[in-house]
C-alpha cells in the first residue's frame, strides 16, 4: 500500500500542473508567485498532503503521543539528509537503508 501511495505521489508531483506549482514554490517562492502561483494555497495543500500521508501510513504501525516528536524529527531529518532534498526515490532508499541498519543494530547490540 505504501509503495502505491508513494508512486502516486511521485507521479502527481512530476506530471500534474499542481505538482509543478508545488515544486516551483519549493525551489523559489518569490519567482513562483511572480509567475502566478498562489503560494499560500500551495503551501497549505502541500502541508495537508504531508500530514495526511504521514498520519495514514504511520498510525498503523506506531502509536502517537506528544513526547515522541523529538524521535520523529531525528529520524525524518536523517532520511532527508541521506536521501537528498526533493528526491522521492532517494528518500525511499534512505528509509530502507536506515530500517535495515536499525534492525541489524537492534539484533546484534540490543534495542536499548
PDB file of N, CA and C in Angstrom:
ATOM      1  N   UNK A   1       0.824  -1.192   0.000  1.00  0.00           N
ATOM      2  CA  UNK A   1       0.000   0.000   0.000  1.00  0.00           C
ATOM      3  C   UNK A   1       0.868   1.255   0.000  1.00  0.00           C
ATOM      4  N   UNK A   2       1.928   1.238   0.805  1.00  0.00           N
ATOM      5  CA  UNK A   2       2.770   2.428   0.873  1.00  0.00           C
ATOM      6  C   UNK A   2       3.510   2.672  -0.443  1.00  0.00           C
ATOM      7  N   UNK A   3       3.941   1.599  -1.115  1.00  0.00           N
ATOM      8  CA  UNK A   3       4.592   1.783  -2.413  1.00  0.00           C
ATOM      9  C   UNK A   3       3.638   2.372  -3.452  1.00  0.00           C
ATOM     10  N   UNK A   4       2.392   1.969  -3.412  1.00  0.00           N
ATOM     11  CA  UNK A   4       1.394   2.528  -4.324  1.00  0.00           C
ATOM     12  C   UNK A   4       1.170   4.005  -4.039  1.00  0.00           C
ATOM     13  N   UNK A   5       1.058   4.370  -2.780  1.00  0.00           N
ATOM     14  CA  UNK A   5       0.837   5.772  -2.414  1.00  0.00           C
ATOM     15  C   UNK A   5       2.049   6.618  -2.769  1.00  0.00           C
ATOM     16  N   UNK A   6       3.247   6.117  -2.518  1.00  0.00           N
ATOM     17  CA  UNK A   6       4.461   6.870  -2.849  1.00  0.00           C
ATOM     18  C   UNK A   6       4.600   7.029  -4.358  1.00  0.00           C
ATOM     19  N   UNK A   7       4.279   5.974  -5.111  1.00  0.00           N
ATOM     20  CA  UNK A   7       4.333   6.069  -6.573  1.00  0.00           C
ATOM     21  C   UNK A   7       3.321   7.076  -7.100  1.00  0.00           C
ATOM     22  N   UNK A   8       2.114   7.041  -6.552  1.00  0.00           N
ATOM     23  CA  UNK A   8       1.090   8.016  -6.965  1.00  0.00           C
ATOM     24  C   UNK A   8       1.524   9.434  -6.637  1.00  0.00           C
ATOM     25  N   UNK A   9       2.132   9.635  -5.483  1.00  0.00           N
ATOM     26  CA  UNK A   9       2.621  10.965  -5.114  1.00  0.00           C
ATOM     27  C   UNK A   9       3.725  11.429  -6.060  1.00  0.00           C
ATOM     28  N   UNK A  10       4.646  10.534  -6.399  1.00  0.00           N
ATOM     29  CA  UNK A  10       5.734  10.893  -7.312  1.00  0.00           C
ATOM     30  C   UNK A  10       5.184  11.260  -8.687  1.00  0.00           C
ATOM     31  N   UNK A  11       4.225  10.492  -9.190  1.00  0.00           N
ATOM     32  CA  UNK A  11       3.620  10.809 -10.490  1.00  0.00           C
ATOM     33  C   UNK A  11       2.848  12.123 -10.437  1.00  0.00           C
ATOM     34  N   UNK A  12       2.141  12.353  -9.338  1.00  0.00           N
ATOM     35  CA  UNK A  12       1.406  13.605  -9.160  1.00  0.00           C
ATOM     36  C   UNK A  12       2.352  14.804  -9.175  1.00  0.00           C
ATOM     37  N   UNK A  13       3.459  14.703  -8.454  1.00  0.00           N
ATOM     38  CA  UNK A  13       4.394  15.820  -8.388  1.00  0.00           C
ATOM     39  C   UNK A  13       5.113  16.059  -9.716  1.00  0.00           C
ATOM     40  N   UNK A  14       5.313  15.010 -10.495  1.00  0.00           N
ATOM     41  CA  UNK A  14       6.072  15.145 -11.729  1.00  0.00           C
ATOM     42  C   UNK A  14       5.216  15.577 -12.914  1.00  0.00           C
ATOM     43  N   UNK A  15       3.970  15.095 -13.004  1.00  0.00           N
ATOM     44  CA  UNK A  15       3.204  15.277 -14.229  1.00  0.00           C
ATOM     45  C   UNK A  15       1.979  16.179 -14.119  1.00  0.00           C
ATOM     46  N   UNK A  16       1.581  16.598 -12.941  1.00  0.00           N
ATOM     47  CA  UNK A  16       0.400  17.454 -12.836  1.00  0.00           C
ATOM     48  C   UNK A  16       0.809  18.929 -12.758  1.00  0.00           C
ATOM     49  N   UNK A  17      -0.113  19.782 -13.122  1.00  0.00           N
ATOM     50  CA  UNK A  17       0.147  21.224 -13.055  1.00  0.00           C
ATOM     51  C   UNK A  17       0.327  21.676 -11.610  1.00  0.00           C
ATOM     52  N   UNK A  18      -0.470  21.117 -10.709  1.00  0.00           N
ATOM     53  CA  UNK A  18      -0.326  21.486  -9.303  1.00  0.00           C
ATOM     54  C   UNK A  18       0.983  20.955  -8.731  1.00  0.00           C
ATOM     55  N   UNK A  19       1.435  19.797  -9.205  1.00  0.00           N
ATOM     56  CA  UNK A  19       2.737  19.277  -8.797  1.00  0.00           C
ATOM     57  C   UNK A  19       3.864  20.195  -9.236  1.00  0.00           C
ATOM     58  N   UNK A  20       3.732  20.747 -10.454  1.00  0.00           N
ATOM     59  CA  UNK A  20       4.713  21.737 -10.910  1.00  0.00           C
ATOM     60  C   UNK A  20       4.683  22.984 -10.033  1.00  0.00           C
ATOM     61  N   UNK A  21       3.483  23.389  -9.610  1.00  0.00           N
ATOM     62  CA  UNK A  21       3.372  24.556  -8.727  1.00  0.00           C
ATOM     63  C   UNK A  21       4.015  24.269  -7.371  1.00  0.00           C
ATOM     64  N   UNK A  22       3.852  23.060  -6.876  1.00  0.00           N
ATOM     65  CA  UNK A  22       4.477  22.686  -5.600  1.00  0.00           C
ATOM     66  C   UNK A  22       5.992  22.728  -5.733  1.00  0.00           C
ATOM     67  N   UNK A  23       6.508  22.135  -6.814  1.00  0.00           N
ATOM     68  CA  UNK A  23       7.960  22.118  -6.994  1.00  0.00           C
ATOM     69  C   UNK A  23       8.509  23.526  -7.229  1.00  0.00           C
ATOM     70  N   UNK A  24       7.773  24.367  -7.952  1.00  0.00           N
ATOM     71  CA  UNK A  24       8.222  25.743  -8.179  1.00  0.00           C
ATOM     72  C   UNK A  24       8.235  26.529  -6.872  1.00  0.00           C
ATOM     73  N   UNK A  25       7.217  26.340  -6.053  1.00  0.00           N
ATOM     74  CA  UNK A  25       7.156  27.032  -4.766  1.00  0.00           C
ATOM     75  C   UNK A  25       8.282  26.566  -3.852  1.00  0.00           C
ATOM     76  N   UNK A  26       8.601  25.292  -3.926  1.00  0.00           N
ATOM     77  CA  UNK A  26       9.680  24.758  -3.099  1.00  0.00           C
ATOM     78  C   UNK A  26      11.026  25.351  -3.497  1.00  0.00           C
ATOM     79  N   UNK A  27      11.250  25.502  -4.797  1.00  0.00           N
ATOM     80  CA  UNK A  27      12.551  25.983  -5.266  1.00  0.00           C
ATOM     81  C   UNK A  27      12.736  27.483  -5.060  1.00  0.00           C
ATOM     82  N   UNK A  28      11.709  28.271  -5.389  1.00  0.00           N
ATOM     83  CA  UNK A  28      11.830  29.715  -5.234  1.00  0.00           C
ATOM     84  C   UNK A  28      10.438  30.305  -5.071  1.00  0.00           C
ATOM     85  N   UNK A  29      10.093  30.619  -3.853  1.00  0.00           N
ATOM     86  CA  UNK A  29       8.745  31.090  -3.527  1.00  0.00           C
ATOM     87  C   UNK A  29       8.404  32.403  -4.241  1.00  0.00           C
ATOM     88  N   UNK A  30       9.339  33.331  -4.275  1.00  0.00           N
ATOM     89  CA  UNK A  30       9.074  34.624  -4.900  1.00  0.00           C
ATOM     90  C   UNK A  30       8.892  34.500  -6.413  1.00  0.00           C
ATOM     91  N   UNK A  31       9.726  33.713  -7.060  1.00  0.00           N
ATOM     92  CA  UNK A  31       9.608  33.524  -8.510  1.00  0.00           C
ATOM     93  C   UNK A  31       8.300  32.818  -8.865  1.00  0.00           C
ATOM     94  N   UNK A  32       7.907  31.844  -8.068  1.00  0.00           N
ATOM     95  CA  UNK A  32       6.641  31.151  -8.322  1.00  0.00           C
ATOM     96  C   UNK A  32       5.469  32.113  -8.184  1.00  0.00           C
ATOM     97  N   UNK A  33       5.547  32.992  -7.207  1.00  0.00           N
ATOM     98  CA  UNK A  33       4.476  33.969  -7.016  1.00  0.00           C
ATOM     99  C   UNK A  33       4.423  34.958  -8.179  1.00  0.00           C
ATOM    100  N   UNK A  34       5.574  35.333  -8.700  1.00  0.00           N
ATOM    101  CA  UNK A  34       5.610  36.225  -9.860  1.00  0.00           C
ATOM    102  C   UNK A  34       5.019  35.574 -11.109  1.00  0.00           C
ATOM    103  N   UNK A  35       5.090  34.260 -11.181  1.00  0.00           N
ATOM    104  CA  UNK A  35       4.539  33.530 -12.326  1.00  0.00           C
ATOM    105  C   UNK A  35       3.058  33.198 -12.156  1.00  0.00           C
ATOM    106  N   UNK A  36       2.448  33.654 -11.067  1.00  0.00           N
ATOM    107  CA  UNK A  36       1.015  33.487 -10.894  1.00  0.00           C
ATOM    108  C   UNK A  36       0.596  32.334 -10.008  1.00  0.00           C
ATOM    109  N   UNK A  37       1.528  31.716  -9.325  1.00  0.00           N
ATOM    110  CA  UNK A  37       1.196  30.617  -8.426  1.00  0.00           C
ATOM    111  C   UNK A  37       0.747  31.195  -7.092  1.00  0.00           C
ATOM    112  N   UNK A  38      -0.369  30.715  -6.587  1.00  0.00           N
ATOM    113  CA  UNK A  38      -0.849  31.126  -5.268  1.00  0.00           C
ATOM    114  C   UNK A  38      -0.049  30.336  -4.229  1.00  0.00           C
ATOM    115  N   UNK A  39       1.061  30.903  -3.781  1.00  0.00           N
ATOM    116  CA  UNK A  39       1.992  30.171  -2.935  1.00  0.00           C
ATOM    117  C   UNK A  39       1.405  29.830  -1.569  1.00  0.00           C
ATOM    118  N   UNK A  40       0.523  30.650  -1.057  1.00  0.00           N
ATOM    119  CA  UNK A  40      -0.104  30.340   0.231  1.00  0.00           C
ATOM    120  C   UNK A  40      -0.989  29.103   0.122  1.00  0.00           C
ATOM    121  N   UNK A  41      -1.762  29.018  -0.953  1.00  0.00           N
ATOM    122  CA  UNK A  41      -2.621  27.853  -1.166  1.00  0.00           C
ATOM    123  C   UNK A  41      -1.787  26.600  -1.428  1.00  0.00           C
ATOM    124  N   UNK A  42      -0.717  26.747  -2.205  1.00  0.00           N
ATOM    125  CA  UNK A  42       0.172  25.615  -2.484  1.00  0.00           C
ATOM    126  C   UNK A  42       0.801  25.108  -1.192  1.00  0.00           C
ATOM    127  N   UNK A  43       1.235  26.019  -0.335  1.00  0.00           N
ATOM    128  CA  UNK A  43       1.802  25.624   0.947  1.00  0.00           C
ATOM    129  C   UNK A  43       0.787  24.912   1.829  1.00  0.00           C
ATOM    130  N   UNK A  44      -0.436  25.408   1.835  1.00  0.00           N
ATOM    131  CA  UNK A  44      -1.497  24.802   2.631  1.00  0.00           C
ATOM    132  C   UNK A  44      -1.802  23.384   2.144  1.00  0.00           C
ATOM    133  N   UNK A  45      -1.958  23.227   0.836  1.00  0.00           N
ATOM    134  CA  UNK A  45      -2.277  21.908   0.287  1.00  0.00           C
ATOM    135  C   UNK A  45      -1.095  20.948   0.461  1.00  0.00           C
ATOM    136  N   UNK A  46       0.135  21.436   0.289  1.00  0.00           N
ATOM    137  CA  UNK A  46       1.316  20.588   0.477  1.00  0.00           C
ATOM    138  C   UNK A  46       1.405  20.091   1.917  1.00  0.00           C
ATOM    139  N   UNK A  47       1.141  20.984   2.852  1.00  0.00           N
ATOM    140  CA  UNK A  47       1.145  20.595   4.262  1.00  0.00           C
ATOM    141  C   UNK A  47       0.057  19.568   4.537  1.00  0.00           C
ATOM    142  N   UNK A  48      -1.126  19.768   3.968  1.00  0.00           N
ATOM    143  CA  UNK A  48      -2.232  18.832   4.170  1.00  0.00           C
ATOM    144  C   UNK A  48      -1.903  17.464   3.575  1.00  0.00           C
ATOM    145  N   UNK A  49      -1.278  17.437   2.407  1.00  0.00           N
ATOM    146  CA  UNK A  49      -0.885  16.164   1.794  1.00  0.00           C
ATOM    147  C   UNK A  49       0.132  15.459   2.682  1.00  0.00           C
ATOM    148  N   UNK A  50       1.123  16.190   3.161  1.00  0.00           N
ATOM    149  CA  UNK A  50       2.145  15.589   4.017  1.00  0.00           C
ATOM    150  C   UNK A  50       1.586  15.044   5.312  1.00  0.00           C
ATOM    151  N   UNK A  51       0.742  15.810   5.962  1.00  0.00           N
ATOM    152  CA  UNK A  51       0.142  15.363   7.216  1.00  0.00           C
ATOM    153  C   UNK A  51      -0.787  14.175   6.984  1.00  0.00           C
ATOM    154  N   UNK A  52      -1.558  14.241   5.899  1.00  0.00           N
ATOM    155  CA  UNK A  52      -2.477  13.144   5.594  1.00  0.00           C
ATOM    156  C   UNK A  52      -1.743  11.849   5.311  1.00  0.00           C
ATOM    157  N   UNK A  53      -0.690  11.917   4.518  1.00  0.00           N
ATOM    158  CA  UNK A  53       0.062  10.704   4.202  1.00  0.00           C
ATOM    159  C   UNK A  53       0.813  10.182   5.412  1.00  0.00           C
ATOM    160  N   UNK A  54       1.420  11.061   6.171  1.00  0.00           N
ATOM    161  CA  UNK A  54       2.157  10.622   7.361  1.00  0.00           C
ATOM    162  C   UNK A  54       1.212   9.992   8.375  1.00  0.00           C
ATOM    163  N   UNK A  55       0.092  10.627   8.600  1.00  0.00           N
ATOM    164  CA  UNK A  55      -0.865  10.076   9.558  1.00  0.00           C
ATOM    165  C   UNK A  55      -1.452   8.757   9.099  1.00  0.00           C
ATOM    166  N   UNK A  56      -1.733   8.652   7.798  1.00  0.00           N
ATOM    167  CA  UNK A  56      -2.342   7.428   7.280  1.00  0.00           C
ATOM    168  C   UNK A  56      -1.375   6.259   7.310  1.00  0.00           C
ATOM    169  N   UNK A  57      -0.123   6.493   6.983  1.00  0.00           N
ATOM    170  CA  UNK A  57       0.831   5.395   6.889  1.00  0.00           C
ATOM    171  C   UNK A  57       1.483   5.044   8.220  1.00  0.00           C
ATOM    172  N   UNK A  58       1.753   6.038   9.038  1.00  0.00           N
ATOM    173  CA  UNK A  58       2.495   5.790  10.272  1.00  0.00           C
ATOM    174  C   UNK A  58       1.578   5.344  11.408  1.00  0.00           C
ATOM    175  N   UNK A  59       0.336   5.781  11.407  1.00  0.00           N
ATOM    176  CA  UNK A  59      -0.547   5.470  12.532  1.00  0.00           C
ATOM    177  C   UNK A  59      -0.889   3.985  12.619  1.00  0.00           C
ATOM    178  N   UNK A  60      -0.726   3.241  11.536  1.00  0.00           N
ATOM    179  CA  UNK A  60      -0.981   1.805  11.600  1.00  0.00           C
ATOM    180  C   UNK A  60       0.128   1.063  12.338  1.00  0.00           C
ATOM    181  N   UNK A  61       1.323   1.627  12.315  1.00  0.00           N
ATOM    182  CA  UNK A  61       2.478   0.926  12.865  1.00  0.00           C
ATOM    183  C   UNK A  61       2.846   1.430  14.260  1.00  0.00           C
ATOM    184  N   UNK A  62       2.794   2.747  14.463  1.00  0.00           N
ATOM    185  CA  UNK A  62       3.250   3.339  15.714  1.00  0.00           C
ATOM    186  C   UNK A  62       2.121   4.098  16.394  1.00  0.00           C
ATOM    187  N   UNK A  63       2.174   4.143  17.704  1.00  0.00           N
ATOM    188  CA  UNK A  63       1.218   4.961  18.442  1.00  0.00           C
ATOM    189  C   UNK A  63       1.773   6.381  18.562  1.00  0.00           C
ATOM    190  N   UNK A  64       0.882   7.334  18.673  1.00  0.00           N
ATOM    191  CA  UNK A  64       1.288   8.729  18.798  1.00  0.00           C
ATOM    192  C   UNK A  64       1.076   9.211  20.213  1.00  0.00           C
ATOM    193  N   UNK A  65       2.034   9.958  20.707  1.00  0.00           N
ATOM    194  CA  UNK A  65       1.863  10.694  21.942  1.00  0.00           C
ATOM    195  C   UNK A  65       2.790  11.905  21.879  1.00  0.00           C
ATOM    196  N   UNK A  66       2.459  12.975  22.578  1.00  0.00           N
ATOM    197  CA  UNK A  66       3.131  14.257  22.388  1.00  0.00           C
ATOM    198  C   UNK A  66       4.635  14.246  22.609  1.00  0.00           C
ATOM    199  N   UNK A  67       5.153  13.437  23.490  1.00  0.00           N
ATOM    200  CA  UNK A  67       6.582  13.496  23.799  1.00  0.00           C
ATOM    201  C   UNK A  67       7.443  12.771  22.766  1.00  0.00           C
ATOM    202  N   UNK A  68       6.855  12.097  21.808  1.00  0.00           N
ATOM    203  CA  UNK A  68       7.622  11.308  20.852  1.00  0.00           C
ATOM    204  C   UNK A  68       8.085  12.136  19.646  1.00  0.00           C
ATOM    205  N   UNK A  69       7.695  13.384  19.533  1.00  0.00           N
ATOM    206  CA  UNK A  69       8.020  14.172  18.345  1.00  0.00           C
ATOM    207  C   UNK A  69       9.526  14.366  18.168  1.00  0.00           C
ATOM    208  N   UNK A  70      10.313  14.365  19.216  1.00  0.00           N
ATOM    209  CA  UNK A  70      11.761  14.539  19.075  1.00  0.00           C
ATOM    210  C   UNK A  70      12.383  13.350  18.353  1.00  0.00           C
ATOM    211  N   UNK A  71      11.897  12.169  18.646  1.00  0.00           N
ATOM    212  CA  UNK A  71      12.405  10.975  17.960  1.00  0.00           C
ATOM    213  C   UNK A  71      12.045  11.008  16.474  1.00  0.00           C
ATOM    214  N   UNK A  72      10.834  11.442  16.152  1.00  0.00           N
ATOM    215  CA  UNK A  72      10.422  11.521  14.744  1.00  0.00           C
ATOM    216  C   UNK A  72      11.236  12.558  13.990  1.00  0.00           C
ATOM    217  N   UNK A  73      11.518  13.685  14.619  1.00  0.00           N
ATOM    218  CA  UNK A  73      12.304  14.729  13.958  1.00  0.00           C
ATOM    219  C   UNK A  73      13.693  14.209  13.616  1.00  0.00           C
ATOM    220  N   UNK A  74      14.311  13.484  14.523  1.00  0.00           N
ATOM    221  CA  UNK A  74      15.644  12.939  14.265  1.00  0.00           C
ATOM    222  C   UNK A  74      15.620  11.934  13.123  1.00  0.00           C
ATOM    223  N   UNK A  75      14.637  11.060  13.104  1.00  0.00           N
ATOM    224  CA  UNK A  75      14.542  10.062  12.039  1.00  0.00           C
ATOM    225  C   UNK A  75      14.279  10.728  10.692  1.00  0.00           C
ATOM    226  N   UNK A  76      13.336  11.657  10.654  1.00  0.00           N
ATOM    227  CA  UNK A  76      12.993  12.299   9.377  1.00  0.00           C
ATOM    228  C   UNK A  76      14.120  13.176   8.852  1.00  0.00           C
ATOM    229  N   UNK A  77      14.818  13.857   9.726  1.00  0.00           N
ATOM    230  CA  UNK A  77      15.954  14.665   9.268  1.00  0.00           C
ATOM    231  C   UNK A  77      17.060  13.788   8.698  1.00  0.00           C
ATOM    232  N   UNK A  78      17.322  12.644   9.318  1.00  0.00           N
ATOM    233  CA  UNK A  78      18.336  11.746   8.777  1.00  0.00           C
ATOM    234  C   UNK A  78      17.906  11.173   7.437  1.00  0.00           C
ATOM    235  N   UNK A  79      16.611  10.933   7.244  1.00  0.00           N
ATOM    236  CA  UNK A  79      16.123  10.474   5.942  1.00  0.00           C
ATOM    237  C   UNK A  79      16.312  11.526   4.868  1.00  0.00           C
ATOM    238  N   UNK A  80      16.020  12.768   5.181  1.00  0.00           N
ATOM    239  CA  UNK A  80      16.171  13.846   4.201  1.00  0.00           C
ATOM    240  C   UNK A  80      17.635  14.048   3.845  1.00  0.00           C
ATOM    241  N   UNK A  81      18.510  14.001   4.831  1.00  0.00           N
ATOM    242  CA  UNK A  81      19.938  14.183   4.570  1.00  0.00           C
ATOM    243  C   UNK A  81      20.484  13.026   3.747  1.00  0.00           C
ATOM    244  N   UNK A  82      20.131  11.805   4.117  1.00  0.00           N
ATOM    245  CA  UNK A  82      20.642  10.637   3.406  1.00  0.00           C
ATOM    246  C   UNK A  82      20.010  10.503   2.017  1.00  0.00           C
ATOM    247  N   UNK A  83      18.730  10.752   1.904  1.00  0.00           N
ATOM    248  CA  UNK A  83      18.031  10.563   0.631  1.00  0.00           C
ATOM    249  C   UNK A  83      18.167  11.711  -0.339  1.00  0.00           C
ATOM    250  N   UNK A  84      18.405  12.893   0.156  1.00  0.00           N
ATOM    251  CA  UNK A  84      18.511  14.053  -0.716  1.00  0.00           C
ATOM    252  C   UNK A  84      17.219  14.846  -0.737  1.00  0.00           C
ATOM    253  N   UNK A  85      17.344  16.151  -0.662  1.00  0.00           N
ATOM    254  CA  UNK A  85      16.179  17.031  -0.635  1.00  0.00           C
ATOM    255  C   UNK A  85      15.480  17.018  -1.998  1.00  0.00           C
ATOM    256  N   UNK A  86      14.201  16.726  -2.016  1.00  0.00           N
ATOM    257  CA  UNK A  86      13.434  16.750  -3.247  1.00  0.00           C
ATOM    258  C   UNK A  86      13.459  15.453  -4.038  1.00  0.00           C
ATOM    259  N   UNK A  87      14.094  14.433  -3.549  1.00  0.00           N
ATOM    260  CA  UNK A  87      14.167  13.162  -4.263  1.00  0.00           C
ATOM    261  C   UNK A  87      13.319  12.123  -3.543  1.00  0.00           C
ATOM    262  N   UNK A  88      12.208  11.746  -4.162  1.00  0.00           N
ATOM    263  CA  UNK A  88      11.335  10.758  -3.531  1.00  0.00           C
ATOM    264  C   UNK A  88      11.995   9.381  -3.551  1.00  0.00           C
ATOM    265  N   UNK A  89      12.611   9.011  -4.677  1.00  0.00           N
ATOM    266  CA  UNK A  89      13.290   7.717  -4.757  1.00  0.00           C
ATOM    267  C   UNK A  89      14.444   7.647  -3.755  1.00  0.00           C
ATOM    268  N   UNK A  90      15.195   8.730  -3.619  1.00  0.00           N
ATOM    269  CA  UNK A  90      16.280   8.767  -2.647  1.00  0.00           C
ATOM    270  C   UNK A  90      15.777   8.620  -1.227  1.00  0.00           C
ATOM    271  N   UNK A  91      14.646   9.232  -0.929  1.00  0.00           N
ATOM    272  CA  UNK A  91      14.077   9.129   0.407  1.00  0.00           C
ATOM    273  C   UNK A  91      13.594   7.711   0.691  1.00  0.00           C
ATOM    274  N   UNK A  92      12.984   7.073  -0.307  1.00  0.00           N
ATOM    275  CA  UNK A  92      12.541   5.686  -0.129  1.00  0.00           C
ATOM    276  C   UNK A  92      13.747   4.775   0.110  1.00  0.00           C
ATOM    277  N   UNK A  93      14.801   4.956  -0.687  1.00  0.00           N
ATOM    278  CA  UNK A  93      16.008   4.148  -0.491  1.00  0.00           C
ATOM    279  C   UNK A  93      16.652   4.424   0.864  1.00  0.00           C
ATOM    280  N   UNK A  94      16.678   5.684   1.276  1.00  0.00           N
ATOM    281  CA  UNK A  94      17.237   6.029   2.587  1.00  0.00           C
ATOM    282  C   UNK A  94      16.429   5.394   3.706  1.00  0.00           C
ATOM    283  N   UNK A  95      15.107   5.392   3.577  1.00  0.00           N
ATOM    284  CA  UNK A  95      14.268   4.757   4.599  1.00  0.00           C
ATOM    285  C   UNK A  95      14.543   3.263   4.673  1.00  0.00           C
ATOM    286  N   UNK A  96      14.697   2.644   3.520  1.00  0.00           N
ATOM    287  CA  UNK A  96      15.007   1.209   3.501  1.00  0.00           C
ATOM    288  C   UNK A  96      16.360   0.944   4.144  1.00  0.00           C
ATOM    289  N   UNK A  97      17.359   1.725   3.787  1.00  0.00           N
ATOM    290  CA  UNK A  97      18.710   1.530   4.332  1.00  0.00           C
ATOM    291  C   UNK A  97      18.726   1.748   5.840  1.00  0.00           C
ATOM    292  N   UNK A  98      18.095   2.815   6.302  1.00  0.00           N
ATOM    293  CA  UNK A  98      18.078   3.090   7.748  1.00  0.00           C
ATOM    294  C   UNK A  98      17.296   2.041   8.519  1.00  0.00           C
ATOM    295  N   UNK A  99      16.221   1.524   7.951  1.00  0.00           N
ATOM    296  CA  UNK A  99      15.460   0.498   8.660  1.00  0.00           C
ATOM    297  C   UNK A  99      16.229  -0.815   8.733  1.00  0.00           C
ATOM    298  N   UNK A 100      16.965  -1.156   7.669  1.00  0.00           N
ATOM    299  CA  UNK A 100      17.780  -2.374   7.709  1.00  0.00           C
ATOM    300  C   UNK A 100      18.911  -2.221   8.726  1.00  0.00           C
ATOM    301  N   UNK A 101      19.557  -1.055   8.734  1.00  0.00           N
ATOM    302  CA  UNK A 101      20.620  -0.808   9.712  1.00  0.00           C
ATOM    303  C   UNK A 101      20.072  -0.866  11.137  1.00  0.00           C
ATOM    304  N   UNK A 102      18.904  -0.281  11.372  1.00  0.00           N
ATOM    305  CA  UNK A 102      18.303  -0.311  12.705  1.00  0.00           C
ATOM    306  C   UNK A 102      17.962  -1.733  13.125  1.00  0.00           C
ATOM    307  N   UNK A 103      17.504  -2.545  12.188  1.00  0.00           N
ATOM    308  CA  UNK A 103      17.187  -3.934  12.516  1.00  0.00           C
ATOM    309  C   UNK A 103      18.448  -4.716  12.871  1.00  0.00           C
ATOM    310  N   UNK A 104      19.529  -4.526  12.120  1.00  0.00           N
ATOM    311  CA  UNK A 104      20.783  -5.214  12.437  1.00  0.00           C
ATOM    312  C   UNK A 104      21.367  -4.759  13.762  1.00  0.00           C
ATOM    313  N   UNK A 105      21.351  -3.460  14.008  1.00  0.00           N
ATOM    314  CA  UNK A 105      21.885  -2.956  15.271  1.00  0.00           C
ATOM    315  C   UNK A 105      21.040  -3.473  16.443  1.00  0.00           C
ATOM    316  N   UNK A 106      19.716  -3.466  16.274  1.00  0.00           N
ATOM    317  CA  UNK A 106      18.852  -3.989  17.327  1.00  0.00           C
ATOM    318  C   UNK A 106      19.048  -5.461  17.575  1.00  0.00           C
ATOM    319  N   UNK A 107      19.347  -6.217  16.522  1.00  0.00           N
ATOM    320  CA  UNK A 107      19.556  -7.656  16.682  1.00  0.00           C
ATOM    321  C   UNK A 107      20.902  -7.968  17.347  1.00  0.00           C
ATOM    322  N   UNK A 108      21.952  -7.313  16.905  1.00  0.00           N
ATOM    323  CA  UNK A 108      23.295  -7.645  17.406  1.00  0.00           C
ATOM    324  C   UNK A 108      23.648  -6.943  18.724  1.00  0.00           C
ATOM    325  N   UNK A 109      23.137  -5.745  18.934  1.00  0.00           N
ATOM    326  CA  UNK A 109      23.520  -4.982  20.125  1.00  0.00           C
ATOM    327  C   UNK A 109      22.379  -4.774  21.113  1.00  0.00           C
ATOM    328  N   UNK A 110      21.164  -5.113  20.752  1.00  0.00           N
ATOM    329  CA  UNK A 110      20.028  -4.920  21.623  1.00  0.00           C
ATOM    330  C   UNK A 110      19.284  -3.638  21.287  1.00  0.00           C
ATOM    331  N   UNK A 111      18.030  -3.595  21.630  1.00  0.00           N
ATOM    332  CA  UNK A 111      17.200  -2.452  21.292  1.00  0.00           C
ATOM    333  C   UNK A 111      17.562  -1.185  22.065  1.00  0.00           C
ATOM    334  N   UNK A 112      18.118  -1.339  23.244  1.00  0.00           N
ATOM    335  CA  UNK A 112      18.438  -0.163  24.040  1.00  0.00           C
ATOM    336  C   UNK A 112      19.818   0.345  23.717  1.00  0.00           C
TER     337      UNK A 112
END
